[in-house]
Amino acid sequence: MSAQPQSSASSPAQDSLENWISQLQSGQSDALEPLIEHTQGRAWQIAYAILQNRQEVEDALQDAYLLVYQNIQQLREPKAFWGWFKRILVHRCLRLHKRAVTAELPEDSAVPPEDSEVRLDIHDAFAKLSLSDRTVLGLREVLDFTYEEISTLLEVPLTTVKTRLYNARNRFCKFFARDIQGDNYR
């Protein structure tokens, strides 16, 4: 049994993704829909970890996929799609957030009151963080990206990622502790 080289082995899903990218690059616009269907779940997770707002996520995804469609010719290697797309998506999220207003949490919830209060405290503490803190914390703690992946995605040195995460975690804990203490006096 001979081992195949790592670079030539790929999954059927990766082959399909590369095929749709090649089709788009050759002008076949009907390949966009299956590419979106294949990537939107993962893209949604990334965008939501940063924005924490469904409408903003939908807007960011729409912008990102439009940019992919318009600039697919710039992608030299279809295997590099995910890295290229994640950078586009994160930059769209950051740009969109600068223009967006803070959205309110829906009041109607099926979560029991004590659970929803904790969720509100967590959400409130997270919302109080800066966009930079929310981005790095969301990518690491919500989506479980490695430090190296975050460094590549945000185009910052690894030490910067570690510093931002350390500071973001500390600020989150302080905000969360204040929210919990505030609950005790209500």
Protein backbone atom coordinates (compact mmCIF):
# COMPACT_ATOMS: atom_id res chain seq x y z
CA MET A 1 0.00 0.00 0.00
CA SER A 2 1.69 3.19 -1.16
CA ALA A 3 1.01 6.55 0.41
CA GLN A 4 -0.14 9.34 -1.84
CA PRO A 5 1.48 12.75 -1.51
CA GLN A 6 -0.40 15.01 0.91
CA SER A 7 -0.88 17.74 -1.70
CA SER A 8 -2.71 15.51 -4.19
CA ALA A 9 -5.15 14.02 -1.68
CA SER A 10 -8.35 15.99 -1.32
CA SER A 11 -11.89 15.36 -0.24
CA PRO A 12 -14.87 15.25 -2.62
CA ALA A 13 -16.17 18.46 -1.01
CA GLN A 14 -12.83 20.19 -1.67
CA ASP A 15 -12.88 18.92 -5.27
CA SER A 16 -16.41 20.32 -5.70
CA LEU A 17 -15.39 23.66 -4.20
CA GLU A 18 -12.40 23.90 -6.52
CA ASN A 19 -14.60 22.91 -9.46
CA TRP A 20 -17.13 25.67 -8.69
CA ILE A 21 -14.31 28.19 -8.34
CA SER A 22 -12.87 27.14 -11.70
CA GLN A 23 -16.32 27.43 -13.27
CA LEU A 24 -16.77 30.93 -11.83
CA GLN A 25 -13.34 31.94 -13.09
CA SER A 26 -14.31 30.77 -16.57
CA GLY A 27 -17.46 32.91 -16.49
CA GLN A 28 -20.07 30.33 -15.47
CA SER A 29 -22.09 32.39 -12.98
CA ASP A 30 -24.42 29.48 -12.15
CA ALA A 31 -21.56 27.97 -10.08
CA LEU A 32 -21.98 30.74 -7.51
CA GLU A 33 -25.11 29.26 -5.94
CA PRO A 34 -23.61 25.85 -5.07
CA LEU A 35 -20.44 27.57 -3.83
CA ILE A 36 -22.54 29.73 -1.50
CA GLU A 37 -24.60 26.76 -0.31
CA HIS A 38 -21.40 24.83 0.42
CA THR A 39 -19.67 27.64 2.34
CA GLN A 40 -22.43 29.66 3.99
CA GLY A 41 -22.69 27.66 7.23
CA ARG A 42 -19.05 28.14 8.10
CA ALA A 43 -19.12 31.73 6.85
CA TRP A 44 -22.17 32.46 9.03
CA GLN A 45 -20.31 31.21 12.13
CA ILE A 46 -17.34 33.46 11.42
CA ALA A 47 -19.47 36.54 10.77
CA TYR A 48 -21.73 35.95 13.77
CA ALA A 49 -18.76 35.53 16.10
CA ILE A 50 -17.70 39.04 15.13
CA LEU A 51 -20.99 40.89 14.66
CA GLN A 52 -23.42 39.15 17.04
CA ASN A 53 -26.36 40.45 15.00
CA ARG A 54 -28.32 38.43 12.43
CA GLN A 55 -29.09 41.33 10.10
CA GLU A 56 -25.49 42.54 10.10
CA VAL A 57 -24.31 38.98 9.45
CA GLU A 58 -26.63 38.66 6.47
CA ASP A 59 -25.41 42.00 5.10
CA ALA A 60 -21.76 41.02 5.61
CA LEU A 61 -22.27 37.67 3.89
CA GLN A 62 -24.04 39.29 0.97
CA ASP A 63 -21.22 41.83 0.59
CA ALA A 64 -18.54 39.14 0.91
CA TYR A 65 -20.11 36.84 -1.69
CA LEU A 66 -20.57 39.76 -4.06
CA LEU A 67 -16.87 40.59 -3.67
CA VAL A 68 -15.98 36.94 -4.26
CA TYR A 69 -18.02 36.92 -7.46
CA GLN A 70 -16.52 40.22 -8.66
CA ASN A 71 -12.92 39.31 -7.78
CA ILE A 72 -12.75 35.54 -8.30
CA GLN A 73 -10.25 36.07 -11.12
CA GLN A 74 -7.73 37.34 -8.55
CA LEU A 75 -7.69 33.97 -6.79
CA ARG A 76 -4.73 32.21 -8.39
CA GLU A 77 -5.07 28.88 -6.61
CA PRO A 78 -8.56 27.44 -5.92
CA LYS A 79 -7.15 25.50 -2.94
CA ALA A 80 -6.48 28.86 -1.25
CA PHE A 81 -10.16 29.86 -1.42
CA TRP A 82 -10.96 29.54 2.30
CA GLY A 83 -8.09 31.73 3.46
CA TRP A 84 -8.90 34.32 0.79
CA PHE A 85 -12.63 34.23 1.52
CA LYS A 86 -12.21 34.43 5.32
CA ARG A 87 -10.07 37.57 4.94
CA ILE A 88 -12.72 39.15 2.71
CA LEU A 89 -15.49 38.19 5.16
CA VAL A 90 -13.71 39.44 8.27
CA HIS A 91 -12.87 42.75 6.59
CA ARG A 92 -16.50 43.15 5.46
CA CYS A 93 -17.69 42.44 9.01
CA LEU A 94 -15.32 45.00 10.47
CA ARG A 95 -16.26 47.62 7.89
CA LEU A 96 -19.99 46.95 8.25
CA HIS A 97 -19.80 47.13 12.02
CA LYS A 98 -18.27 50.59 11.89
CA ARG A 99 -21.41 51.81 10.09
CA ALA A 100 -24.00 49.81 12.01
CA VAL A 101 -25.88 50.80 15.12
CA THR A 102 -26.09 48.44 18.07
CA ALA A 103 -29.09 46.16 17.72
CA GLU A 104 -31.31 45.25 20.66
CA LEU A 105 -31.83 41.70 21.84
CA PRO A 106 -35.24 40.25 21.08
CA GLU A 107 -37.48 40.35 24.14
CA ASP A 108 -39.39 37.17 23.30
CA SER A 109 -37.39 34.10 24.30
CA ALA A 110 -38.18 30.46 24.93
CA VAL A 111 -35.25 30.16 27.37
CA PRO A 112 -36.15 29.85 31.07
CA PRO A 113 -35.75 33.18 32.93
CA GLU A 114 -32.63 32.23 34.90
CA ASP A 115 -30.88 30.94 31.76
CA SER A 116 -31.93 33.94 29.72
CA GLU A 117 -30.63 36.31 32.42
CA VAL A 118 -27.21 34.66 32.33
CA ARG A 119 -27.27 34.73 28.53
CA LEU A 120 -28.18 38.43 28.65
CA ASP A 121 -25.32 39.10 31.08
CA ILE A 122 -22.90 37.27 28.79
CA HIS A 123 -24.26 39.04 25.73
CA ASP A 124 -24.13 42.42 27.50
CA ALA A 125 -20.55 41.85 28.62
CA PHE A 126 -19.57 40.77 25.11
CA ALA A 127 -21.34 43.77 23.57
CA LYS A 128 -19.40 46.14 25.84
CA LEU A 129 -16.11 44.94 24.36
CA SER A 130 -14.47 46.86 21.55
CA LEU A 131 -14.85 45.51 18.03
CA SER A 132 -11.23 44.34 18.12
CA ASP A 133 -11.82 42.46 21.39
CA ARG A 134 -15.08 40.90 20.13
CA THR A 135 -13.42 39.82 16.90
CA VAL A 136 -10.42 38.11 18.44
CA LEU A 137 -12.44 36.60 21.32
CA GLY A 138 -15.19 35.38 19.00
CA LEU A 139 -12.73 33.76 16.60
CA ARG A 140 -10.87 32.01 19.43
CA GLU A 141 -13.52 31.16 22.02
CA VAL A 142 -16.64 30.79 19.89
CA LEU A 143 -15.20 29.37 16.67
CA ASP A 144 -12.12 27.72 18.20
CA PHE A 145 -9.67 29.16 15.64
CA THR A 146 -6.01 28.61 16.49
CA TYR A 147 -3.80 31.57 17.32
CA GLU A 148 -2.04 31.05 14.00
CA GLU A 149 -5.32 31.06 12.06
CA ILE A 150 -6.39 34.27 13.78
CA SER A 151 -3.02 35.84 13.04
CA THR A 152 -3.35 34.99 9.35
CA LEU A 153 -6.99 36.00 9.15
CA LEU A 154 -6.50 39.38 10.83
CA GLU A 155 -3.11 39.91 9.19
CA VAL A 156 -1.38 40.69 12.49
CA PRO A 157 1.63 39.08 14.22
CA LEU A 158 1.04 36.07 16.46
CA THR A 159 2.21 38.02 19.52
CA THR A 160 -0.42 40.67 18.78
CA VAL A 161 -3.13 37.98 18.71
CA LYS A 162 -1.98 36.60 22.06
CA THR A 163 -1.87 40.07 23.62
CA ARG A 164 -5.29 41.00 22.25
CA LEU A 165 -6.79 37.74 23.52
CA TYR A 166 -5.29 38.19 26.97
CA ASN A 167 -6.62 41.74 27.23
CA ALA A 168 -10.01 40.87 25.71
CA ARG A 169 -10.53 38.01 28.16
CA ASN A 170 -9.67 40.27 31.10
CA ARG A 171 -12.03 43.02 29.93
CA PHE A 172 -14.81 40.48 29.30
CA CYS A 173 -14.42 39.06 32.81
CA LYS A 174 -14.58 42.54 34.34
CA PHE A 175 -17.72 43.46 32.36
CA PHE A 176 -19.35 40.11 33.15
CA ALA A 177 -18.52 40.42 36.86
CA ARG A 178 -20.07 43.91 36.94
CA ASP A 179 -23.23 42.61 35.23
CA ILE A 180 -23.50 39.75 37.74
CA GLN A 181 -22.94 42.10 40.69
CA GLY A 182 -25.57 44.43 39.24
CA ASP A 183 -28.04 41.51 39.18
CA ASN A 184 -27.55 41.02 42.91
CA TYR A 185 -28.75 44.58 43.58
CA ARG A 186 -31.83 44.48 41.34
